[in-house]
Amino acid sequence: MLCVILSRLQRFFPEDFAFTPASFLLPDEVVELEEYMRKNPNYTFIAKPSKGRGGDGIFLVRKFHELPRSALTHDFLVQRYIENPYVVDKKKFDLRLYVVIKGVDPLEAYLCDEGLARFCTSNYAKPDHNNIRNLYMHLTNFSLNKNSDNFITPEEEFYKEGSNASKRLLTNIYKTLQAKGKDVRYLKK
């Protein structure tokens, strides 16, 4: 699991791996998580079953005691939730990028020019006690958001520039970001 490797590297090389949120694999790191949550009482955390898919079983918590017993005894990944994400059209989104790794010594990898952006179906607001359970606001999983009343099917809008569909082409997101004055060259490196 990539985030576990990154998390462990972050502990040994904190400055080099500061780009990834603090992550804990349960039940092995439950003591470390409890201590981290106690030291950082204002953070929100996202918990995911490590063998889950499609957003099933994912939830947000603020306090250690809010974790269900199943998270403490089964394989769960708990990460610090990024509370200030960049949003487009007031919605949180993620990017699905596709990479082919041709070799590792020397490293040779190729990033596909096209990819996907998956959008939440509710406008984003920082998690608080009123919205922390609104998964349509906090999770970008397509299989979850397609059940929302606000879901906009990508079939009709998918290829259109300026689309507001819940799933969009990466190249159209680049154009949206460029129109907002963002330099997307750094995303393509």
N, C-alpha and C. Protein backbone atom coordinates (compact mmCIF):
# COMPACT_ATOMS: atom_id res chain seq x y z
N MET A 1 0.85 -1.16 0.00
CA MET A 1 0.00 0.00 0.00
C MET A 1 0.91 1.25 0.00
N LEU A 2 0.75 2.05 -1.02
CA LEU A 2 1.62 3.21 -1.22
C LEU A 2 1.61 4.17 -0.03
N CYS A 3 0.43 4.46 0.52
CA CYS A 3 0.38 5.45 1.61
C CYS A 3 1.10 4.94 2.87
N VAL A 4 1.13 3.64 3.08
CA VAL A 4 1.86 3.09 4.23
C VAL A 4 3.36 3.30 4.03
N ILE A 5 3.84 3.03 2.84
CA ILE A 5 5.26 3.23 2.52
C ILE A 5 5.61 4.71 2.69
N LEU A 6 4.78 5.59 2.13
CA LEU A 6 5.03 7.03 2.24
C LEU A 6 5.00 7.49 3.69
N SER A 7 4.06 6.97 4.46
CA SER A 7 3.94 7.34 5.87
C SER A 7 5.19 6.96 6.65
N ARG A 8 5.70 5.78 6.39
CA ARG A 8 6.90 5.34 7.10
C ARG A 8 8.12 6.14 6.66
N LEU A 9 8.21 6.45 5.36
CA LEU A 9 9.31 7.29 4.89
C LEU A 9 9.21 8.69 5.50
N GLN A 10 7.98 9.18 5.66
CA GLN A 10 7.75 10.50 6.25
C GLN A 10 8.28 10.57 7.68
N ARG A 11 8.18 9.50 8.41
CA ARG A 11 8.66 9.49 9.80
C ARG A 11 10.17 9.58 9.87
N PHE A 12 10.87 9.00 8.87
CA PHE A 12 12.34 9.04 8.86
C PHE A 12 12.88 10.27 8.14
N PHE A 13 12.14 10.75 7.13
CA PHE A 13 12.57 11.89 6.33
C PHE A 13 11.43 12.90 6.24
N PRO A 14 11.08 13.55 7.36
CA PRO A 14 9.89 14.40 7.40
C PRO A 14 9.89 15.55 6.39
N GLU A 15 11.03 16.14 6.14
CA GLU A 15 11.06 17.27 5.20
C GLU A 15 10.88 16.81 3.76
N ASP A 16 11.41 15.65 3.42
CA ASP A 16 11.32 15.15 2.05
C ASP A 16 9.94 14.59 1.72
N PHE A 17 9.18 14.20 2.74
CA PHE A 17 7.89 13.58 2.50
C PHE A 17 6.75 14.35 3.16
N ALA A 18 6.90 15.67 3.24
CA ALA A 18 5.88 16.52 3.86
C ALA A 18 4.65 16.70 2.96
N PHE A 19 4.69 16.22 1.74
CA PHE A 19 3.59 16.39 0.80
C PHE A 19 2.43 15.42 1.05
N THR A 20 2.61 14.47 1.91
CA THR A 20 1.57 13.48 2.16
C THR A 20 1.04 13.63 3.59
N PRO A 21 -0.28 13.46 3.79
CA PRO A 21 -0.81 13.61 5.16
C PRO A 21 -0.38 12.48 6.06
N ALA A 22 -0.32 12.75 7.34
CA ALA A 22 0.01 11.71 8.33
C ALA A 22 -0.97 10.55 8.18
N SER A 23 -0.43 9.32 8.15
CA SER A 23 -1.25 8.13 7.91
C SER A 23 -0.90 7.05 8.92
N PHE A 24 -1.91 6.28 9.30
CA PHE A 24 -1.73 5.22 10.29
C PHE A 24 -2.49 3.98 9.82
N LEU A 25 -1.83 2.85 9.85
CA LEU A 25 -2.46 1.59 9.48
C LEU A 25 -2.86 0.87 10.77
N LEU A 26 -4.15 0.65 10.91
CA LEU A 26 -4.68 -0.01 12.10
C LEU A 26 -4.92 -1.49 11.80
N PRO A 27 -4.78 -2.34 12.78
CA PRO A 27 -4.60 -2.07 14.20
C PRO A 27 -3.15 -1.86 14.62
N ASP A 28 -2.17 -2.07 13.73
CA ASP A 28 -0.76 -2.02 14.10
C ASP A 28 -0.33 -0.68 14.71
N GLU A 29 -0.86 0.41 14.23
CA GLU A 29 -0.40 1.73 14.66
C GLU A 29 -1.46 2.48 15.48
N VAL A 30 -2.30 1.75 16.20
CA VAL A 30 -3.37 2.36 16.96
C VAL A 30 -2.84 3.25 18.08
N VAL A 31 -1.75 2.85 18.72
CA VAL A 31 -1.17 3.66 19.80
C VAL A 31 -0.64 4.97 19.25
N GLU A 32 0.06 4.90 18.11
CA GLU A 32 0.60 6.11 17.48
C GLU A 32 -0.52 7.05 17.04
N LEU A 33 -1.61 6.46 16.49
CA LEU A 33 -2.74 7.28 16.07
C LEU A 33 -3.38 7.99 17.26
N GLU A 34 -3.61 7.25 18.33
CA GLU A 34 -4.24 7.86 19.51
C GLU A 34 -3.40 9.02 20.04
N GLU A 35 -2.09 8.84 20.09
CA GLU A 35 -1.19 9.90 20.56
C GLU A 35 -1.23 11.10 19.61
N TYR A 36 -1.21 10.85 18.30
CA TYR A 36 -1.24 11.93 17.30
C TYR A 36 -2.56 12.70 17.40
N MET A 37 -3.66 11.98 17.55
CA MET A 37 -4.96 12.65 17.64
C MET A 37 -5.06 13.47 18.93
N ARG A 38 -4.49 12.97 20.01
CA ARG A 38 -4.50 13.70 21.28
C ARG A 38 -3.69 14.99 21.15
N LYS A 39 -2.55 14.92 20.46
CA LYS A 39 -1.69 16.10 20.29
C LYS A 39 -2.27 17.10 19.29
N ASN A 40 -3.19 16.66 18.45
CA ASN A 40 -3.76 17.51 17.40
C ASN A 40 -5.29 17.47 17.47
N PRO A 41 -5.86 18.05 18.52
CA PRO A 41 -7.31 17.91 18.75
C PRO A 41 -8.19 18.65 17.74
N ASN A 42 -7.62 19.54 16.95
CA ASN A 42 -8.43 20.29 15.99
C ASN A 42 -8.41 19.70 14.59
N TYR A 43 -7.71 18.62 14.40
CA TYR A 43 -7.65 17.98 13.09
C TYR A 43 -8.86 17.07 12.87
N THR A 44 -9.18 16.88 11.62
CA THR A 44 -10.18 15.90 11.21
C THR A 44 -9.42 14.76 10.54
N PHE A 45 -9.94 13.54 10.66
CA PHE A 45 -9.30 12.36 10.09
C PHE A 45 -10.29 11.60 9.23
N ILE A 46 -9.77 10.98 8.20
CA ILE A 46 -10.58 10.13 7.33
C ILE A 46 -10.13 8.70 7.55
N ALA A 47 -11.09 7.83 7.77
CA ALA A 47 -10.80 6.41 8.03
C ALA A 47 -11.39 5.57 6.91
N LYS A 48 -10.57 4.65 6.41
CA LYS A 48 -10.98 3.81 5.28
C LYS A 48 -10.62 2.36 5.56
N PRO A 49 -11.54 1.44 5.31
CA PRO A 49 -11.15 0.04 5.41
C PRO A 49 -10.11 -0.24 4.32
N SER A 50 -9.01 -0.88 4.67
CA SER A 50 -7.94 -1.06 3.70
C SER A 50 -8.33 -1.99 2.55
N LYS A 51 -9.36 -2.78 2.74
CA LYS A 51 -9.80 -3.67 1.68
C LYS A 51 -11.14 -3.22 1.09
N GLY A 52 -11.50 -1.98 1.34
CA GLY A 52 -12.77 -1.45 0.83
C GLY A 52 -12.65 -1.01 -0.62
N ARG A 53 -13.80 -0.64 -1.16
CA ARG A 53 -13.83 -0.11 -2.51
C ARG A 53 -15.04 0.78 -2.67
N GLY A 54 -14.94 1.75 -3.56
CA GLY A 54 -16.08 2.57 -3.90
C GLY A 54 -16.62 3.44 -2.79
N GLY A 55 -15.84 3.74 -1.79
CA GLY A 55 -16.32 4.59 -0.70
C GLY A 55 -17.01 3.84 0.41
N ASP A 56 -17.17 2.52 0.27
CA ASP A 56 -17.83 1.73 1.32
C ASP A 56 -17.03 1.77 2.62
N GLY A 57 -17.70 2.09 3.71
CA GLY A 57 -17.08 2.04 5.02
C GLY A 57 -16.18 3.21 5.37
N ILE A 58 -16.13 4.25 4.55
CA ILE A 58 -15.29 5.42 4.82
C ILE A 58 -16.07 6.42 5.68
N PHE A 59 -15.39 7.02 6.64
CA PHE A 59 -16.03 8.01 7.50
C PHE A 59 -14.98 9.00 7.99
N LEU A 60 -15.46 10.14 8.49
CA LEU A 60 -14.61 11.17 9.07
C LEU A 60 -14.83 11.21 10.58
N VAL A 61 -13.76 11.46 11.32
CA VAL A 61 -13.83 11.59 12.78
C VAL A 61 -12.93 12.74 13.23
N ARG A 62 -13.19 13.22 14.43
CA ARG A 62 -12.35 14.27 15.02
C ARG A 62 -11.62 13.77 16.26
N LYS A 63 -12.19 12.79 16.95
CA LYS A 63 -11.62 12.30 18.21
C LYS A 63 -11.40 10.79 18.13
N PHE A 64 -10.40 10.32 18.85
CA PHE A 64 -10.07 8.90 18.84
C PHE A 64 -11.25 8.04 19.29
N HIS A 65 -11.97 8.48 20.30
CA HIS A 65 -13.09 7.69 20.82
C HIS A 65 -14.24 7.57 19.82
N GLU A 66 -14.23 8.37 18.74
CA GLU A 66 -15.27 8.29 17.72
C GLU A 66 -15.04 7.13 16.74
N LEU A 67 -13.85 6.56 16.76
CA LEU A 67 -13.57 5.43 15.88
C LEU A 67 -14.36 4.22 16.35
N PRO A 68 -15.03 3.52 15.43
CA PRO A 68 -15.74 2.31 15.85
C PRO A 68 -14.75 1.22 16.22
N ARG A 69 -15.19 0.31 17.05
CA ARG A 69 -14.33 -0.79 17.50
C ARG A 69 -13.77 -1.57 16.31
N SER A 70 -14.56 -1.69 15.24
CA SER A 70 -14.10 -2.44 14.07
C SER A 70 -12.84 -1.81 13.46
N ALA A 71 -12.70 -0.49 13.55
CA ALA A 71 -11.51 0.17 13.01
C ALA A 71 -10.27 -0.14 13.84
N LEU A 72 -10.47 -0.49 15.10
CA LEU A 72 -9.35 -0.78 15.99
C LEU A 72 -8.90 -2.23 15.91
N THR A 73 -9.75 -3.08 15.35
CA THR A 73 -9.42 -4.51 15.31
C THR A 73 -9.27 -5.06 13.90
N HIS A 74 -9.66 -4.29 12.89
CA HIS A 74 -9.53 -4.72 11.49
C HIS A 74 -8.59 -3.78 10.76
N ASP A 75 -8.20 -4.16 9.56
CA ASP A 75 -7.29 -3.32 8.77
C ASP A 75 -8.00 -2.06 8.30
N PHE A 76 -7.59 -0.94 8.88
CA PHE A 76 -8.11 0.37 8.51
C PHE A 76 -6.94 1.31 8.27
N LEU A 77 -7.12 2.22 7.34
CA LEU A 77 -6.17 3.29 7.11
C LEU A 77 -6.81 4.57 7.63
N VAL A 78 -6.12 5.28 8.51
CA VAL A 78 -6.61 6.55 9.03
C VAL A 78 -5.58 7.61 8.66
N GLN A 79 -6.06 8.65 8.00
CA GLN A 79 -5.18 9.74 7.56
C GLN A 79 -5.73 11.08 8.02
N ARG A 80 -4.80 12.01 8.21
CA ARG A 80 -5.24 13.38 8.48
C ARG A 80 -5.97 13.86 7.23
N TYR A 81 -7.14 14.41 7.44
CA TYR A 81 -7.98 14.91 6.36
C TYR A 81 -7.49 16.28 5.94
N ILE A 82 -7.33 16.50 4.66
CA ILE A 82 -6.91 17.81 4.15
C ILE A 82 -8.13 18.72 4.14
N GLU A 83 -8.14 19.70 5.04
CA GLU A 83 -9.32 20.53 5.25
C GLU A 83 -9.40 21.75 4.35
N ASN A 84 -8.35 22.04 3.63
CA ASN A 84 -8.37 23.22 2.75
C ASN A 84 -8.02 22.82 1.31
N PRO A 85 -8.79 21.91 0.72
CA PRO A 85 -8.47 21.48 -0.64
C PRO A 85 -8.76 22.57 -1.66
N TYR A 86 -8.10 22.48 -2.78
CA TYR A 86 -8.43 23.36 -3.91
C TYR A 86 -9.75 22.86 -4.47
N VAL A 87 -10.68 23.75 -4.70
CA VAL A 87 -11.99 23.35 -5.22
C VAL A 87 -12.23 23.99 -6.59
N VAL A 88 -13.04 23.34 -7.38
CA VAL A 88 -13.49 23.86 -8.67
C VAL A 88 -15.01 23.84 -8.62
N ASP A 89 -15.63 24.93 -9.01
CA ASP A 89 -17.09 25.06 -8.95
C ASP A 89 -17.60 24.79 -7.54
N LYS A 90 -16.81 25.18 -6.53
CA LYS A 90 -17.13 25.04 -5.11
C LYS A 90 -17.14 23.58 -4.64
N LYS A 91 -16.62 22.68 -5.47
CA LYS A 91 -16.65 21.27 -5.14
C LYS A 91 -15.25 20.68 -5.04
N LYS A 92 -15.09 19.79 -4.07
CA LYS A 92 -13.85 19.05 -3.91
C LYS A 92 -13.76 18.03 -5.04
N PHE A 93 -12.53 17.76 -5.48
CA PHE A 93 -12.35 16.80 -6.57
C PHE A 93 -11.02 16.09 -6.40
N ASP A 94 -10.89 14.98 -7.08
CA ASP A 94 -9.59 14.31 -7.14
C ASP A 94 -9.25 14.04 -8.59
N LEU A 95 -8.00 13.73 -8.82
CA LEU A 95 -7.53 13.44 -10.17
C LEU A 95 -7.14 11.98 -10.27
N ARG A 96 -7.54 11.35 -11.33
CA ARG A 96 -7.12 9.99 -11.63
C ARG A 96 -6.13 10.09 -12.78
N LEU A 97 -4.87 9.85 -12.44
CA LEU A 97 -3.79 9.93 -13.42
C LEU A 97 -3.30 8.52 -13.74
N TYR A 98 -2.89 8.32 -14.95
CA TYR A 98 -2.46 6.99 -15.38
C TYR A 98 -1.00 7.02 -15.77
N VAL A 99 -0.23 6.12 -15.17
CA VAL A 99 1.22 6.08 -15.36
C VAL A 99 1.63 4.67 -15.77
N VAL A 100 2.53 4.60 -16.72
CA VAL A 100 3.14 3.33 -17.09
C VAL A 100 4.58 3.38 -16.58
N ILE A 101 4.97 2.39 -15.79
CA ILE A 101 6.34 2.30 -15.31
C ILE A 101 7.04 1.25 -16.16
N LYS A 102 7.97 1.71 -16.96
CA LYS A 102 8.67 0.81 -17.89
C LYS A 102 9.83 0.11 -17.21
N GLY A 103 10.46 0.77 -16.25
CA GLY A 103 11.58 0.18 -15.54
C GLY A 103 11.85 0.92 -14.26
N VAL A 104 12.55 0.25 -13.32
CA VAL A 104 12.84 0.89 -12.04
C VAL A 104 14.33 1.14 -11.83
N ASP A 105 15.19 0.55 -12.62
CA ASP A 105 16.63 0.79 -12.47
C ASP A 105 17.29 0.84 -13.83
N PRO A 106 17.32 2.01 -14.45
CA PRO A 106 16.88 3.32 -13.95
C PRO A 106 15.36 3.46 -14.06
N LEU A 107 14.83 4.37 -13.25
CA LEU A 107 13.40 4.62 -13.27
C LEU A 107 13.00 5.24 -14.60
N GLU A 108 12.02 4.63 -15.23
CA GLU A 108 11.48 5.15 -16.49
C GLU A 108 9.96 5.04 -16.40
N ALA A 109 9.29 6.19 -16.35
CA ALA A 109 7.84 6.21 -16.20
C ALA A 109 7.24 7.24 -17.16
N TYR A 110 6.03 6.95 -17.59
CA TYR A 110 5.33 7.82 -18.54
C TYR A 110 3.94 8.14 -18.01
N LEU A 111 3.63 9.44 -17.99
CA LEU A 111 2.33 9.93 -17.54
C LEU A 111 1.45 10.12 -18.76
N CYS A 112 0.28 9.52 -18.74
CA CYS A 112 -0.68 9.67 -19.84
C CYS A 112 -1.15 11.12 -19.90
N ASP A 113 -1.34 11.64 -21.10
CA ASP A 113 -1.80 13.01 -21.27
C ASP A 113 -3.24 13.20 -20.81
N GLU A 114 -4.00 12.14 -20.79
CA GLU A 114 -5.41 12.24 -20.39
C GLU A 114 -5.63 11.50 -19.07
N GLY A 115 -6.63 11.91 -18.36
CA GLY A 115 -7.02 11.29 -17.11
C GLY A 115 -8.42 11.73 -16.77
N LEU A 116 -8.79 11.56 -15.51
CA LEU A 116 -10.14 11.91 -15.07
C LEU A 116 -10.09 12.78 -13.82
N ALA A 117 -11.14 13.55 -13.64
CA ALA A 117 -11.37 14.27 -12.39
C ALA A 117 -12.74 13.82 -11.90
N ARG A 118 -12.79 13.45 -10.61
CA ARG A 118 -14.05 13.02 -10.00
C ARG A 118 -14.44 14.06 -8.96
N PHE A 119 -15.68 14.50 -9.03
CA PHE A 119 -16.16 15.59 -8.19
C PHE A 119 -17.17 15.13 -7.15
N CYS A 120 -17.10 15.79 -5.99
CA CYS A 120 -18.16 15.62 -4.99
C CYS A 120 -19.43 16.24 -5.58
N THR A 121 -20.57 15.88 -5.03
CA THR A 121 -21.83 16.41 -5.54
C THR A 121 -22.46 17.46 -4.62
N SER A 122 -21.79 17.78 -3.52
CA SER A 122 -22.22 18.88 -2.64
C SER A 122 -21.08 19.88 -2.53
N ASN A 123 -21.42 21.15 -2.44
CA ASN A 123 -20.39 22.17 -2.29
C ASN A 123 -19.58 21.91 -1.03
N TYR A 124 -18.29 22.18 -1.13
CA TYR A 124 -17.37 21.88 -0.03
C TYR A 124 -17.44 22.93 1.07
N ALA A 125 -17.36 22.47 2.29
CA ALA A 125 -17.16 23.30 3.48
C ALA A 125 -16.26 22.51 4.41
N LYS A 126 -15.42 23.21 5.15
CA LYS A 126 -14.54 22.55 6.12
C LYS A 126 -15.39 21.69 7.06
N PRO A 127 -14.92 20.48 7.38
CA PRO A 127 -15.71 19.61 8.25
C PRO A 127 -16.00 20.24 9.61
N ASP A 128 -17.25 20.13 10.03
CA ASP A 128 -17.65 20.55 11.37
C ASP A 128 -18.72 19.56 11.85
N HIS A 129 -19.24 19.79 13.05
CA HIS A 129 -20.20 18.83 13.61
C HIS A 129 -21.48 18.73 12.80
N ASN A 130 -21.79 19.75 11.97
CA ASN A 130 -23.01 19.72 11.15
C ASN A 130 -22.85 18.95 9.84
N ASN A 131 -21.63 18.95 9.28
CA ASN A 131 -21.48 18.36 7.95
C ASN A 131 -20.52 17.17 7.88
N ILE A 132 -19.94 16.78 8.99
CA ILE A 132 -18.90 15.75 8.97
C ILE A 132 -19.41 14.41 8.41
N ARG A 133 -20.70 14.18 8.46
CA ARG A 133 -21.28 12.92 7.94
C ARG A 133 -21.79 13.06 6.51
N ASN A 134 -21.65 14.25 5.91
CA ASN A 134 -22.09 14.46 4.53
C ASN A 134 -21.02 13.93 3.59
N LEU A 135 -21.10 12.68 3.24
CA LEU A 135 -20.08 12.05 2.40
C LEU A 135 -20.09 12.62 0.99
N TYR A 136 -21.22 13.14 0.51
CA TYR A 136 -21.27 13.75 -0.82
C TYR A 136 -20.43 15.03 -0.87
N MET A 137 -20.12 15.60 0.27
CA MET A 137 -19.30 16.80 0.36
C MET A 137 -17.82 16.46 0.51
N HIS A 138 -17.53 15.36 1.16
CA HIS A 138 -16.15 15.06 1.54
C HIS A 138 -15.47 13.95 0.74
N LEU A 139 -16.24 13.07 0.09
CA LEU A 139 -15.65 11.96 -0.65
C LEU A 139 -15.93 12.10 -2.14
N THR A 140 -14.92 11.87 -2.94
CA THR A 140 -15.06 12.02 -4.40
C THR A 140 -15.40 10.71 -5.10
N ASN A 141 -15.55 9.64 -4.37
CA ASN A 141 -15.81 8.33 -4.98
C ASN A 141 -17.02 8.39 -5.92
N PHE A 142 -16.80 7.98 -7.15
CA PHE A 142 -17.85 7.99 -8.16
C PHE A 142 -19.00 7.08 -7.76
N SER A 143 -18.67 5.88 -7.25
CA SER A 143 -19.72 4.91 -6.91
C SER A 143 -20.62 5.42 -5.77
N LEU A 144 -20.10 6.32 -4.94
CA LEU A 144 -20.90 6.93 -3.89
C LEU A 144 -21.73 8.09 -4.46
N ASN A 145 -21.06 9.01 -5.15
CA ASN A 145 -21.71 10.23 -5.61
C ASN A 145 -22.76 10.00 -6.69
N LYS A 146 -22.68 8.90 -7.41
CA LYS A 146 -23.70 8.64 -8.44
C LYS A 146 -25.08 8.43 -7.82
N ASN A 147 -25.14 8.21 -6.50
CA ASN A 147 -26.42 8.05 -5.80
C ASN A 147 -26.98 9.37 -5.27
N SER A 148 -26.24 10.45 -5.44
CA SER A 148 -26.68 11.75 -4.96
C SER A 148 -27.72 12.36 -5.92
N ASP A 149 -28.65 13.11 -5.36
CA ASP A 149 -29.64 13.84 -6.17
C ASP A 149 -28.96 14.90 -7.04
N ASN A 150 -27.75 15.33 -6.64
CA ASN A 150 -27.03 16.38 -7.37
C ASN A 150 -26.06 15.82 -8.41
N PHE A 151 -26.04 14.51 -8.57
CA PHE A 151 -25.13 13.89 -9.52
C PHE A 151 -25.48 14.32 -10.94
N ILE A 152 -24.45 14.73 -11.69
CA ILE A 152 -24.63 15.10 -13.10
C ILE A 152 -23.90 14.06 -13.93
N THR A 153 -24.67 13.32 -14.69
CA THR A 153 -24.11 12.22 -15.46
C THR A 153 -23.06 12.71 -16.45
N PRO A 154 -21.95 12.01 -16.54
CA PRO A 154 -20.88 12.46 -17.43
C PRO A 154 -21.13 12.14 -18.89
N GLU A 155 -22.05 11.25 -19.22
CA GLU A 155 -22.22 10.83 -20.60
C GLU A 155 -22.44 12.00 -21.56
N GLU A 156 -23.32 12.93 -21.20
CA GLU A 156 -23.64 14.04 -22.08
C GLU A 156 -22.58 15.14 -22.04
N GLU A 157 -21.97 15.35 -20.88
CA GLU A 157 -21.08 16.49 -20.67
C GLU A 157 -19.60 16.13 -20.66
N PHE A 158 -19.29 14.84 -20.69
CA PHE A 158 -17.93 14.37 -20.41
C PHE A 158 -16.85 15.06 -21.26
N TYR A 159 -17.06 15.18 -22.54
CA TYR A 159 -16.02 15.70 -23.43
C TYR A 159 -16.07 17.21 -23.61
N LYS A 160 -17.10 17.85 -23.10
CA LYS A 160 -17.27 19.28 -23.32
C LYS A 160 -16.39 20.11 -22.38
N GLU A 161 -15.73 21.10 -22.96
CA GLU A 161 -14.99 22.06 -22.14
C GLU A 161 -16.00 22.87 -21.35
N GLY A 162 -15.72 23.14 -20.10
CA GLY A 162 -16.64 23.88 -19.24
C GLY A 162 -17.75 23.02 -18.67
N SER A 163 -17.63 21.72 -18.83
CA SER A 163 -18.63 20.79 -18.30
C SER A 163 -18.72 20.91 -16.78
N ASN A 164 -19.89 20.67 -16.25
CA ASN A 164 -20.05 20.63 -14.80
C ASN A 164 -20.45 19.22 -14.34
N ALA A 165 -20.13 18.22 -15.16
CA ALA A 165 -20.46 16.84 -14.82
C ALA A 165 -19.68 16.39 -13.59
N SER A 166 -20.15 15.34 -12.97
CA SER A 166 -19.51 14.82 -11.76
C SER A 166 -18.24 14.04 -12.05
N LYS A 167 -18.00 13.73 -13.31
CA LYS A 167 -16.74 13.13 -13.75
C LYS A 167 -16.36 13.87 -15.04
N ARG A 168 -15.09 14.34 -15.10
CA ARG A 168 -14.67 15.17 -16.24
C ARG A 168 -13.30 14.75 -16.73
N LEU A 169 -13.01 15.09 -17.97
CA LEU A 169 -11.69 14.81 -18.53
C LEU A 169 -10.64 15.71 -17.89
N LEU A 170 -9.47 15.16 -17.66
CA LEU A 170 -8.36 15.90 -17.08
C LEU A 170 -7.98 17.10 -17.94
N THR A 171 -7.95 16.94 -19.25
CA THR A 171 -7.57 18.06 -20.12
C THR A 171 -8.54 19.22 -19.97
N ASN A 172 -9.80 18.96 -19.72
CA ASN A 172 -10.76 20.05 -19.49
C ASN A 172 -10.53 20.71 -18.13
N ILE A 173 -10.10 19.93 -17.15
CA ILE A 173 -9.76 20.51 -15.84
C ILE A 173 -8.55 21.42 -15.99
N TYR A 174 -7.56 20.99 -16.77
CA TYR A 174 -6.40 21.85 -17.03
C TYR A 174 -6.85 23.19 -17.61
N LYS A 175 -7.78 23.16 -18.56
CA LYS A 175 -8.27 24.40 -19.18
C LYS A 175 -9.00 25.27 -18.15
N THR A 176 -9.78 24.64 -17.29
CA THR A 176 -10.48 25.38 -16.23
C THR A 176 -9.49 26.05 -15.30
N LEU A 177 -8.45 25.30 -14.90
CA LEU A 177 -7.44 25.85 -14.00
C LEU A 177 -6.65 26.98 -14.67
N GLN A 178 -6.31 26.80 -15.95
CA GLN A 178 -5.60 27.86 -16.67
C GLN A 178 -6.45 29.12 -16.75
N ALA A 179 -7.76 28.97 -16.97
CA ALA A 179 -8.65 30.12 -17.03
C ALA A 179 -8.70 30.86 -15.70
N LYS A 180 -8.39 30.15 -14.61
CA LYS A 180 -8.35 30.77 -13.27
C LYS A 180 -6.96 31.29 -12.94
N GLY A 181 -6.05 31.27 -13.93
CA GLY A 181 -4.71 31.80 -13.72
C GLY A 181 -3.72 30.81 -13.13
N LYS A 182 -4.05 29.53 -13.08
CA LYS A 182 -3.15 28.51 -12.52
C LYS A 182 -2.22 28.00 -13.60
N ASP A 183 -0.97 27.78 -13.22
CA ASP A 183 0.03 27.25 -14.14
C ASP A 183 0.02 25.72 -14.02
N VAL A 184 -0.58 25.05 -15.00
CA VAL A 184 -0.75 23.60 -14.92
C VAL A 184 0.49 22.83 -15.36
N ARG A 185 1.53 23.52 -15.79
CA ARG A 185 2.76 22.80 -16.19
C ARG A 185 3.32 21.98 -15.05
N TYR A 186 3.17 22.45 -13.81
CA TYR A 186 3.70 21.72 -12.66
C TYR A 186 2.91 20.44 -12.39
N LEU A 187 1.65 20.42 -12.78
CA LEU A 187 0.86 19.21 -12.61
C LEU A 187 1.25 18.13 -13.62
N LYS A 188 1.81 18.57 -14.72
CA LYS A 188 2.15 17.64 -15.80
C LYS A 188 3.55 17.07 -15.71
N LYS A 189 4.33 17.50 -14.73
CA LYS A 189 5.70 17.02 -14.62
C LYS A 189 5.78 15.68 -13.96
